[in-house]
Amino acid sequence: MSTSSHLLSRRSFGRFAAASAAAAVGTTALGACGPGKGGASSGTPLRIMAINHVWSQAVKRRLGEFEELAGRRVSMTLLTADQLASSYNVKLNASGSDVDVMMVRALQEQTLFAHNGWLVDLTDRVKGDARFDWSDFQDAPRAASATRGKVLSVPVVTERPVLYYRKDLAEELGGVPGTLDALMAASLEAADRRRGRYGFVGRGQRSGAVSQWSSFLYSHGGDFVVDGASGIGSREALAAYTYYGRLLGRTGPPGATNMSLEQAMPVFAQGRAAFYIDADAVYSSFLDPKVATEQVRESVGFAPFPAGPAGARPHNIPSWSLGINAFSRLRDESWEFIRWAAGVEQSRKLQEAGIPGARASVWSDPRSLKKFPAELAESMRVNARRGLGYDQPRVTPMPSSPTSWSATTATRSPDEHHRTRPGSGRGHPAGAAPGPAAAHPHPHPHPHPHPHPHPHLRAGQPAAEVGHARARPAVRRRHDHLSAGLHPGPERQ
């Protein structure tokens, strides 16, 4: 695929836009019946709402390039995670069309947004656009972009766990641990809590513990959901609980089983721990004089996630993705922005700047990894190849019946909005993922209330249905309090 073909001229860009729109079989034709057509003049700006992240900051600086090619002004608003969630809450519940492109978390709010029909179905667009080349995206992030078999977002930022270690200490401890058994043995040997020296430090607090523990779970042969039912009580999951609890409790600092990222990372950065596992996105902190000691900056090493009884199975997730608001009147223009921002050329430029993306061709290009330390780049490559596309349970509340669902909600999805709006005579928005005729005011993967104290939960794997099997209602609550289930055993002094 020739990357230069994307940016030949504004005229050629227009031809590509027309071709990609036509490739979305049926979507454009049906769009005239939904909010994607009509009401938006050529002077209406394309409005993008995004998290204030290094990726969106970098894209915002390049918007002039897209505006020149598209011939349309672009407005991009950057918000904190809480502000973004609140804005989506207000706008989507009001059927707002004042946002077109949405930056979303495929593993979190996308499930709810899909359930409420708030995201445009991009399946035909991504699969019918040869120049965009959907197959070029890594398997795990690509699979996580689909909900109930429909592609609802395009991954732009990815994340994997990496083993950070002190080279000077690892050498004394027998080398870099390649297995979880070796990591445990080296961490136990390195720990001297009386002197404030620890073998391992990591997240142990609530949701952070879930995401970081997931790779330990997978590498022990377990999963959050097995055959449509909760897998957290399996023999493999219990072994992973016991291992991680012992690793933190016996080799980590006091209170390690209740530490967040902000508490755990400085322990390693200040040279008080030999090993640390966390997202590869935080690597620059250990090279920053304002965060890490000189000893750590000079000796920090990077290694792939160690192998457990089931091998090395880390997560490789799309931490942020782009989707299209189902109420947008600029759907075709929104897609053109996504195919530009997530295209090969922009992905390469951003990864060369140190922002890891999701395209396999970019990862295989040595130029895109020059910004990263060589050892880290190789670890990221290995983890990406081995990784699973989720780091948390994918559990969605399911109403016991359409009547009970609608009776507990006060707002409507785009589906219901356009079916019942007086005098509209419209069906659901073209391309919107179908969902029940209901919404909820909280943009969270687990909406409530429900007429019963424990609503039915449906467990789902990325890009696949789990049939009609339902997990126990206690699944999510147990995961939210993972730290309470860690069993470190006697603390080593």
Protein backbone atom coordinates (compact mmCIF):
# COMPACT_ATOMS: atom_id res chain seq x y z
CA MET A 1 0.00 0.00 0.00
CA SER A 2 1.52 3.33 -1.05
CA THR A 3 1.40 5.82 1.80
CA SER A 4 2.11 8.74 -0.51
CA SER A 5 -1.16 8.12 -2.33
CA HIS A 6 -3.10 9.47 0.64
CA LEU A 7 -1.61 12.92 0.39
CA LEU A 8 -1.18 13.65 -3.29
CA SER A 9 -3.57 16.56 -3.50
CA ARG A 10 -6.87 17.90 -2.35
CA ARG A 11 -8.41 16.69 -5.61
CA SER A 12 -7.11 13.14 -5.20
CA PHE A 13 -8.20 13.21 -1.57
CA GLY A 14 -11.72 13.95 -2.75
CA ARG A 15 -11.63 10.97 -5.11
CA PHE A 16 -10.48 8.73 -2.27
CA ALA A 17 -13.25 10.11 -0.06
CA ALA A 18 -15.85 9.29 -2.67
CA ALA A 19 -14.44 5.82 -3.16
CA SER A 20 -14.39 5.02 0.54
CA ALA A 21 -17.92 6.32 1.00
CA ALA A 22 -19.12 4.12 -1.85
CA ALA A 23 -17.34 1.15 -0.30
CA ALA A 24 -19.61 1.38 2.72
CA VAL A 25 -22.26 -0.73 1.04
CA GLY A 26 -25.72 0.51 1.85
CA THR A 27 -24.54 2.96 4.50
CA THR A 28 -24.47 6.04 2.33
CA ALA A 29 -27.78 5.24 0.69
CA LEU A 30 -29.48 4.72 4.02
CA GLY A 31 -27.82 7.79 5.48
CA ALA A 32 -30.39 10.05 3.84
CA CYS A 33 -32.95 8.57 6.22
CA GLY A 34 -30.89 9.24 9.35
CA PRO A 35 -29.08 12.11 11.00
CA GLY A 36 -25.96 11.58 8.91
CA LYS A 37 -27.39 13.53 5.97
CA GLY A 38 -29.01 16.93 5.72
CA GLY A 39 -28.76 19.95 7.96
CA ALA A 40 -24.97 20.31 7.84
CA SER A 41 -23.73 23.01 5.47
CA SER A 42 -20.28 23.13 3.92
CA GLY A 43 -19.36 25.73 6.52
CA THR A 44 -20.20 23.47 9.45
CA PRO A 45 -16.97 22.40 11.17
CA LEU A 46 -16.18 18.77 11.81
CA ARG A 47 -16.21 18.48 15.60
CA ILE A 48 -13.94 16.06 17.40
CA MET A 49 -14.06 15.34 21.12
CA ALA A 50 -10.98 13.63 22.58
CA ILE A 51 -9.04 12.85 25.72
CA ASN A 52 -6.18 15.22 26.53
CA HIS A 53 -3.51 12.69 25.58
CA VAL A 54 -0.19 12.85 23.76
CA TRP A 55 -1.86 11.24 20.72
CA SER A 56 -4.64 13.82 20.47
CA GLN A 57 -2.23 16.67 21.19
CA ALA A 58 -0.03 15.53 18.31
CA VAL A 59 -3.00 15.12 15.95
CA LYS A 60 -4.35 18.54 16.88
CA ARG A 61 -1.05 20.11 15.80
CA ARG A 62 -1.48 18.42 12.40
CA LEU A 63 -5.13 19.36 11.81
CA GLY A 64 -4.21 22.03 9.27
CA GLU A 65 -2.99 19.29 6.96
CA PHE A 66 -6.34 17.50 7.10
CA GLU A 67 -8.33 20.73 6.73
CA GLU A 68 -6.42 21.55 3.55
CA LEU A 69 -7.13 18.12 2.13
CA ALA A 70 -10.77 17.92 3.19
CA GLY A 71 -11.73 21.52 2.56
CA ARG A 72 -13.55 21.72 5.87
CA ARG A 73 -12.72 23.39 9.16
CA VAL A 74 -12.08 21.07 12.10
CA SER A 75 -12.73 21.81 15.77
CA MET A 76 -11.00 19.51 18.30
CA THR A 77 -11.79 19.69 22.01
CA LEU A 78 -9.42 18.01 24.48
CA LEU A 79 -10.77 17.04 27.90
CA THR A 80 -9.76 15.04 30.95
CA ALA A 81 -11.19 11.53 31.24
CA ASP A 82 -13.85 12.64 33.72
CA GLN A 83 -14.80 15.66 31.62
CA LEU A 84 -15.01 13.51 28.50
CA ALA A 85 -17.28 10.99 30.21
CA SER A 86 -19.50 13.78 31.53
CA SER A 87 -19.73 15.44 28.11
CA TYR A 88 -20.70 12.18 26.40
CA ASN A 89 -23.27 11.63 29.12
CA VAL A 90 -24.94 14.98 28.43
CA LYS A 91 -24.64 15.06 24.64
CA LEU A 92 -25.59 11.50 23.81
CA ASN A 93 -28.54 11.39 26.16
CA ALA A 94 -29.79 14.57 24.48
CA SER A 95 -29.34 13.03 21.00
CA GLY A 96 -26.78 15.76 20.37
CA SER A 97 -25.29 16.17 16.91
CA ASP A 98 -22.71 18.74 18.03
CA VAL A 99 -19.95 16.14 18.17
CA ASP A 100 -18.98 14.01 15.17
CA VAL A 101 -15.82 12.03 15.94
CA MET A 102 -15.54 10.56 19.42
CA MET A 103 -12.41 9.27 21.14
CA VAL A 104 -13.56 6.25 23.13
CA ARG A 105 -12.19 3.35 25.15
CA ALA A 106 -13.12 0.18 23.31
CA LEU A 107 -12.89 -1.94 26.45
CA GLN A 108 -14.94 0.37 28.63
CA GLU A 109 -17.65 2.71 27.39
CA GLN A 110 -17.93 1.20 23.91
CA THR A 111 -20.00 -1.70 25.23
CA LEU A 112 -22.60 0.62 26.72
CA PHE A 113 -22.52 3.00 23.75
CA ALA A 114 -23.15 0.05 21.44
CA HIS A 115 -25.98 -1.17 23.63
CA ASN A 116 -27.63 2.24 23.35
CA GLY A 117 -26.99 2.60 19.61
CA TRP A 118 -24.78 5.66 20.06
CA LEU A 119 -21.97 4.60 17.69
CA VAL A 120 -22.10 4.24 13.91
CA ASP A 121 -21.42 0.75 12.60
CA LEU A 122 -18.12 1.04 10.71
CA THR A 123 -17.93 -2.56 9.54
CA ASP A 124 -18.62 -1.89 5.86
CA ARG A 125 -16.35 1.14 5.83
CA VAL A 126 -13.28 -0.51 7.35
CA LYS A 127 -13.67 -3.77 5.44
CA GLY A 128 -14.66 -2.18 2.15
CA ASP A 129 -11.85 0.38 2.01
CA ALA A 130 -8.81 -1.31 0.47
CA ARG A 131 -6.65 1.79 0.90
CA PHE A 132 -7.40 1.90 4.62
CA ASP A 133 -6.46 -1.80 4.93
CA TRP A 134 -8.26 -2.99 8.07
CA SER A 135 -6.22 -6.21 8.00
CA ASP A 136 -3.10 -4.15 8.72
CA PHE A 137 -4.26 -3.54 12.30
CA GLN A 138 -2.91 -5.95 14.92
CA ASP A 139 -5.25 -8.85 15.65
CA ALA A 140 -5.92 -8.12 19.33
CA PRO A 141 -6.79 -4.39 19.04
CA ARG A 142 -8.78 -5.09 15.87
CA ALA A 143 -10.86 -7.75 17.63
CA ALA A 144 -11.47 -5.44 20.61
CA SER A 145 -12.88 -2.81 18.25
CA ALA A 146 -15.96 -4.91 17.56
CA THR A 147 -19.01 -5.33 19.77
CA ARG A 148 -21.52 -8.06 18.94
CA GLY A 149 -19.77 -8.59 15.63
CA LYS A 150 -19.93 -4.96 14.50
CA VAL A 151 -16.84 -2.76 14.19
CA LEU A 152 -17.66 0.39 16.14
CA SER A 153 -14.25 2.02 16.56
CA VAL A 154 -10.76 2.16 15.09
CA PRO A 155 -7.81 1.77 17.50
CA VAL A 156 -5.25 4.58 17.53
CA VAL A 157 -3.31 4.06 20.80
CA THR A 158 -2.26 0.65 22.15
CA GLU A 159 -0.74 -0.52 25.40
CA ARG A 160 0.98 -3.64 26.74
CA PRO A 161 2.64 -4.58 30.04
CA VAL A 162 6.42 -4.65 30.18
CA LEU A 163 8.85 -5.95 32.79
CA TYR A 164 10.97 -3.04 34.01
CA TYR A 165 14.09 -4.16 35.85
CA ARG A 166 17.34 -2.89 37.30
CA LYS A 167 20.15 -4.28 35.15
CA ASP A 168 22.69 -4.06 37.97
CA LEU A 169 20.46 -6.02 40.36
CA ALA A 170 19.23 -8.52 37.76
CA GLU A 171 22.81 -9.49 37.02
CA GLU A 172 23.36 -10.31 40.70
CA LEU A 173 20.10 -12.27 40.79
CA GLY A 174 20.86 -14.60 37.90
CA GLY A 175 19.75 -12.57 34.91
CA VAL A 176 16.50 -11.20 33.53
CA PRO A 177 13.55 -13.40 34.59
CA GLY A 178 12.01 -15.10 31.59
CA THR A 179 9.37 -16.94 33.59
CA LEU A 180 7.05 -16.05 36.44
CA ASP A 181 8.76 -18.66 38.61
CA ALA A 182 12.11 -16.97 37.99
CA LEU A 183 10.58 -13.56 38.73
CA MET A 184 9.24 -14.81 42.06
CA ALA A 185 12.56 -16.37 43.05
CA ALA A 186 14.57 -13.26 42.10
CA SER A 187 12.11 -10.94 43.84
CA LEU A 188 12.20 -12.97 47.05
CA GLU A 189 15.98 -12.93 46.98
CA ALA A 190 16.17 -9.18 46.34
CA ALA A 191 13.68 -8.19 49.04
CA ASP A 192 15.10 -6.76 52.27
CA ARG A 193 12.20 -4.88 53.77
CA ARG A 194 14.08 -3.88 56.92
CA ARG A 195 16.40 -1.81 54.72
CA GLY A 196 13.61 -0.50 52.51
CA ARG A 197 14.59 -2.65 49.53
CA TYR A 198 11.97 -4.57 47.63
CA GLY A 199 11.96 -7.30 45.04
CA PHE A 200 8.84 -6.36 43.10
CA VAL A 201 6.35 -3.52 43.04
CA GLY A 202 3.13 -3.24 41.05
CA ARG A 203 -0.45 -2.08 41.19
CA GLY A 204 -2.70 -3.73 43.75
CA GLN A 205 -5.54 -1.27 44.08
CA ARG A 206 -8.99 -1.98 42.64
CA SER A 207 -9.40 -1.46 38.88
CA GLY A 208 -5.65 -0.94 38.38
CA ALA A 209 -5.05 -4.32 39.95
CA VAL A 210 -7.53 -5.95 37.58
CA SER A 211 -5.86 -4.67 34.42
CA GLN A 212 -2.32 -5.43 35.56
CA TRP A 213 -3.26 -8.81 37.02
CA SER A 214 -4.96 -9.88 33.79
CA SER A 215 -1.66 -10.86 32.16
CA PHE A 216 -0.83 -13.04 35.17
CA LEU A 217 -4.28 -14.62 34.86
CA TYR A 218 -3.87 -15.39 31.15
CA SER A 219 -0.33 -16.70 31.65
CA HIS A 220 -1.62 -19.12 34.29
CA GLY A 221 -4.12 -20.44 31.73
CA GLY A 222 -7.15 -18.64 33.12
CA ASP A 223 -9.56 -16.02 31.83
CA PHE A 224 -12.30 -13.77 33.18
CA VAL A 225 -14.93 -15.66 31.20
CA VAL A 226 -14.79 -19.34 30.28
CA ASP A 227 -17.49 -20.89 28.10
CA GLY A 228 -19.85 -18.01 28.81
CA ALA A 229 -19.56 -18.20 32.60
CA SER A 230 -17.34 -16.55 35.19
CA GLY A 231 -13.82 -17.95 35.16
CA ILE A 232 -12.50 -16.21 38.26
CA GLY A 233 -13.18 -19.20 40.50
CA SER A 234 -11.20 -21.62 38.34
CA ARG A 235 -8.10 -23.42 39.51
CA GLU A 236 -5.98 -21.34 37.13
CA ALA A 237 -7.45 -18.05 38.34
CA LEU A 238 -6.91 -18.99 41.98
CA ALA A 239 -3.29 -19.85 41.18
CA ALA A 240 -2.87 -16.43 39.55
CA TYR A 241 -4.47 -14.71 42.57
CA THR A 242 -2.14 -16.55 44.93
CA TYR A 243 0.93 -15.83 42.82
CA TYR A 244 0.31 -12.10 42.43
CA GLY A 245 -0.70 -11.70 46.07
CA ARG A 246 2.49 -13.43 47.20
CA LEU A 247 4.64 -11.43 44.78
CA LEU A 248 3.27 -8.13 46.09
CA GLY A 249 2.84 -9.06 49.75
CA ARG A 250 6.12 -10.88 50.35
CA THR A 251 8.51 -8.96 48.10
CA GLY A 252 6.90 -5.52 47.80
CA PRO A 253 6.68 -2.48 50.08
CA PRO A 254 4.18 -2.35 52.96
CA GLY A 255 0.69 -1.73 51.62
CA ALA A 256 1.63 -2.97 48.14
CA THR A 257 -1.71 -4.74 47.70
CA ASN A 258 -3.44 -1.36 47.87
CA MET A 259 -1.11 0.71 45.65
CA SER A 260 -2.16 2.65 42.56
CA LEU A 261 0.04 3.54 39.60
CA GLU A 262 0.93 6.86 41.21
CA GLN A 263 2.10 5.07 44.36
CA ALA A 264 3.82 2.05 42.84
CA MET A 265 5.79 3.67 40.03
CA PRO A 266 7.88 6.00 42.26
CA VAL A 267 9.07 3.01 44.30
CA PHE A 268 10.84 1.65 41.24
CA ALA A 269 11.81 5.10 39.91
CA GLN A 270 13.58 5.90 43.18
CA GLY A 271 15.61 2.69 43.04
CA ARG A 272 13.87 0.85 45.87
CA ALA A 273 12.64 -2.16 43.85
CA ALA A 274 14.39 -4.57 41.51
CA PHE A 275 11.39 -5.34 39.28
CA TYR A 276 8.20 -3.58 38.19
CA ILE A 277 5.50 -4.59 35.69
CA ASP A 278 3.26 -1.92 34.21
CA ALA A 279 2.21 -0.35 30.91
CA ASP A 280 4.91 0.30 28.31
CA ALA A 281 3.45 3.81 27.99
CA VAL A 282 5.07 4.90 31.28
CA TYR A 283 8.62 4.02 30.23
CA SER A 284 9.71 7.64 29.80
CA SER A 285 9.23 8.25 33.53
CA PHE A 286 12.27 6.08 34.23
CA LEU A 287 14.40 8.16 31.88
CA ASP A 288 13.22 11.49 33.32
CA PRO A 289 15.60 13.23 35.78
CA LYS A 290 12.58 14.80 37.49
CA VAL A 291 11.13 11.37 38.30
CA ALA A 292 13.89 8.77 38.42
CA THR A 293 17.24 8.69 40.18
CA GLU A 294 20.43 8.72 38.16
CA GLN A 295 21.08 5.10 39.14
CA VAL A 296 17.71 4.00 37.76
CA ARG A 297 18.04 6.06 34.58
CA GLU A 298 21.38 4.43 33.84
CA SER A 299 20.39 0.87 34.74
CA VAL A 300 16.72 0.47 33.79
CA GLY A 301 16.04 -2.45 31.49
CA PHE A 302 12.96 -3.60 29.57
CA ALA A 303 11.83 -7.18 28.97
CA PRO A 304 8.76 -9.01 27.63
CA PHE A 305 6.16 -10.27 30.07
CA PRO A 306 7.49 -13.49 31.69
CA ALA A 307 6.01 -16.88 30.84
CA GLY A 308 3.70 -18.66 33.25
CA PRO A 309 2.38 -22.24 33.22
CA ALA A 310 0.43 -21.41 30.02
CA GLY A 311 3.25 -19.41 28.44
CA ALA A 312 3.61 -15.64 28.16
CA ARG A 313 0.15 -14.19 27.48
CA PRO A 314 0.12 -10.45 28.16
CA HIS A 315 -2.64 -8.09 27.12
CA ASN A 316 -2.30 -5.89 24.04
CA ILE A 317 -5.16 -3.44 24.22
CA PRO A 318 -6.48 -0.43 22.33
CA SER A 319 -6.40 2.10 25.16
CA TRP A 320 -8.01 4.76 22.92
CA SER A 321 -9.98 4.50 19.68
CA LEU A 322 -12.02 6.66 17.31
CA GLY A 323 -15.73 6.23 16.66
CA ILE A 324 -18.53 8.24 15.02
CA ASN A 325 -21.49 9.65 16.91
CA ALA A 326 -24.71 8.05 15.63
CA PHE A 327 -26.38 11.49 15.72
CA SER A 328 -23.69 13.18 13.60
CA ARG A 329 -24.75 14.89 10.37
CA LEU A 330 -21.20 14.56 9.03
CA ARG A 331 -20.70 10.82 8.97
CA ASP A 332 -18.81 10.60 5.69
CA GLU A 333 -16.57 13.49 6.73
CA SER A 334 -16.02 11.85 10.12
CA TRP A 335 -14.92 8.66 8.42
CA GLU A 336 -12.50 10.60 6.24
CA PHE A 337 -10.93 12.04 9.38
CA ILE A 338 -10.60 8.60 10.94
CA ARG A 339 -9.04 7.06 7.84
CA TRP A 340 -6.57 9.98 7.77
CA ALA A 341 -5.72 9.99 11.50
CA ALA A 342 -5.49 6.18 11.70
CA GLY A 343 -3.92 5.73 8.28
CA VAL A 344 -0.46 4.29 7.72
CA GLU A 345 1.30 7.62 7.23
CA GLN A 346 -0.08 9.35 10.32
CA SER A 347 0.34 6.19 12.39
CA ARG A 348 4.00 6.02 11.41
CA LYS A 349 4.60 9.69 12.19
CA LEU A 350 2.98 9.36 15.59
CA GLN A 351 4.81 6.16 16.47
CA GLU A 352 8.08 7.75 15.40
CA ALA A 353 7.23 10.42 18.00
CA GLY A 354 6.94 7.73 20.68
CA ILE A 355 3.17 7.08 20.60
CA PRO A 356 2.51 3.35 20.03
CA GLY A 357 -0.27 2.65 17.55
CA ALA A 358 -2.08 -0.43 16.26
CA ARG A 359 -0.84 -0.97 12.69
CA ALA A 360 1.27 -4.08 12.12
CA SER A 361 3.08 -2.58 9.12
CA VAL A 362 4.21 0.36 11.23
CA TRP A 363 5.46 -1.91 14.01
CA SER A 364 7.49 -3.87 11.45
CA ASP A 365 9.13 -0.66 10.21
CA PRO A 366 12.35 -0.02 12.22
CA ARG A 367 11.99 3.73 11.60
CA SER A 368 8.84 3.85 13.73
CA LEU A 369 10.66 2.49 16.77
CA LYS A 370 13.71 4.74 16.87
CA LYS A 371 12.16 6.89 19.58
CA PHE A 372 12.01 3.93 21.95
CA PRO A 373 15.02 2.32 23.64
CA ALA A 374 15.99 -0.72 21.55
CA GLU A 375 15.30 -3.20 24.36
CA LEU A 376 11.87 -1.66 24.97
CA ALA A 377 10.98 -1.67 21.27
CA GLU A 378 11.74 -5.38 21.04
CA SER A 379 9.75 -6.11 24.20
CA MET A 380 6.77 -4.17 22.84
CA ARG A 381 6.97 -6.08 19.56
CA VAL A 382 7.04 -9.44 21.33
CA ASN A 383 4.21 -8.55 23.71
CA ALA A 384 2.10 -7.21 20.84
CA ARG A 385 2.50 -10.47 18.95
CA ARG A 386 1.54 -12.59 21.97
CA GLY A 387 -1.09 -10.30 23.44
CA LEU A 388 -4.81 -10.67 24.06
CA GLY A 389 -7.04 -7.72 23.22
CA TYR A 390 -8.58 -7.11 26.65
CA ASP A 391 -7.32 -6.53 30.20
CA GLN A 392 -10.58 -6.71 32.15
CA PRO A 393 -13.83 -8.66 32.18
CA ARG A 394 -16.22 -7.72 29.41
CA VAL A 395 -19.53 -7.89 31.24
CA THR A 396 -22.65 -6.08 30.08
CA PRO A 397 -25.95 -5.76 31.95
CA MET A 398 -28.79 -7.37 30.04
CA PRO A 399 -32.41 -6.48 30.76
CA SER A 400 -34.62 -9.36 31.82
CA SER A 401 -37.21 -8.09 29.32
CA PRO A 402 -37.71 -5.05 27.06
CA THR A 403 -40.48 -3.88 29.36
CA SER A 404 -38.40 -3.96 32.53
CA TRP A 405 -35.49 -2.22 30.76
CA SER A 406 -37.52 0.64 29.37
CA ALA A 407 -39.35 1.08 32.66
CA THR A 408 -36.10 1.88 34.45
CA THR A 409 -34.65 4.36 31.98
CA ALA A 410 -35.62 7.92 31.28
CA THR A 411 -33.82 8.51 27.98
CA ARG A 412 -33.89 7.03 24.51
CA SER A 413 -31.32 5.68 22.11
CA PRO A 414 -31.02 7.06 18.57
CA ASP A 415 -33.01 3.98 17.54
CA GLU A 416 -36.05 4.92 19.58
CA HIS A 417 -35.57 8.65 19.14
CA HIS A 418 -35.98 8.47 15.36
CA ARG A 419 -38.70 5.84 15.52
CA THR A 420 -40.94 7.83 17.83
CA ARG A 421 -40.16 11.48 17.18
CA PRO A 422 -43.50 13.08 16.20
CA GLY A 423 -43.80 13.56 12.45
CA SER A 424 -40.32 12.25 11.64
CA GLY A 425 -41.33 8.89 10.19
CA ARG A 426 -37.67 7.82 10.45
CA GLY A 427 -36.13 4.51 11.26
CA HIS A 428 -32.96 4.10 13.28
CA PRO A 429 -29.86 6.07 12.18
CA ALA A 430 -28.19 4.43 9.21
CA GLY A 431 -25.06 2.61 10.29
CA ALA A 432 -25.79 2.87 14.02
CA ALA A 433 -25.19 -0.30 15.95
CA PRO A 434 -28.63 -1.62 16.90
CA GLY A 435 -29.40 -1.68 20.58
CA PRO A 436 -32.39 -1.72 22.87
CA ALA A 437 -34.60 1.33 22.81
CA ALA A 438 -33.07 2.72 25.97
CA ALA A 439 -30.10 4.61 27.26
CA HIS A 440 -28.69 5.43 30.62
CA PRO A 441 -27.36 8.69 32.03
CA HIS A 442 -24.08 7.17 33.17
CA PRO A 443 -21.46 6.39 30.47
CA HIS A 444 -20.10 3.37 32.34
CA PRO A 445 -19.88 -0.24 31.17
CA HIS A 446 -22.36 -1.29 33.83
CA PRO A 447 -25.44 0.95 33.82
CA HIS A 448 -28.05 0.81 36.51
CA PRO A 449 -30.63 0.93 38.11
CA HIS A 450 -32.56 -2.23 37.42
CA PRO A 451 -35.85 -3.38 38.92
CA HIS A 452 -34.07 -6.34 40.48
CA PRO A 453 -31.17 -5.98 42.93
CA HIS A 454 -28.95 -8.17 40.76
CA PRO A 455 -29.63 -7.69 37.02
CA HIS A 456 -28.71 -10.45 34.63
CA LEU A 457 -25.20 -10.04 33.27
CA ARG A 458 -24.03 -11.16 29.90
CA ALA A 459 -20.38 -12.08 29.52
CA GLY A 460 -18.74 -11.31 26.20
CA GLN A 461 -15.37 -11.86 24.59
CA PRO A 462 -13.92 -9.31 22.15
CA ALA A 463 -15.61 -9.45 18.73
CA ALA A 464 -17.60 -12.52 19.66
CA GLU A 465 -20.87 -13.46 21.25
CA VAL A 466 -21.02 -15.88 24.15
CA GLY A 467 -24.49 -17.02 23.14
CA HIS A 468 -27.11 -16.71 25.81
CA ALA A 469 -24.97 -17.78 28.75
CA ARG A 470 -25.00 -15.35 31.63
CA ALA A 471 -22.39 -14.81 34.30
CA ARG A 472 -23.23 -14.47 37.97
CA PRO A 473 -24.08 -10.91 39.07
CA ALA A 474 -21.21 -11.01 41.55
CA VAL A 475 -18.57 -11.11 38.81
CA ARG A 476 -18.01 -7.38 38.46
CA ARG A 477 -18.11 -6.70 42.18
CA ARG A 478 -15.42 -9.28 42.83
CA HIS A 479 -13.18 -7.83 40.14
CA ASP A 480 -13.58 -4.30 41.47
CA HIS A 481 -12.24 -5.48 44.80
CA LEU A 482 -9.42 -7.66 43.52
CA SER A 483 -7.04 -6.30 46.15
CA ALA A 484 -9.26 -7.76 48.84
CA GLY A 485 -8.80 -11.20 47.31
CA LEU A 486 -4.99 -11.19 47.18
CA HIS A 487 -3.42 -13.61 49.62
CA PRO A 488 0.23 -12.63 50.13
CA GLY A 489 0.91 -15.04 53.00
CA PRO A 490 3.43 -14.19 55.72
CA GLU A 491 5.35 -11.01 54.98
CA ARG A 492 9.07 -11.32 54.50
CA GLN A 493 11.06 -8.98 56.72
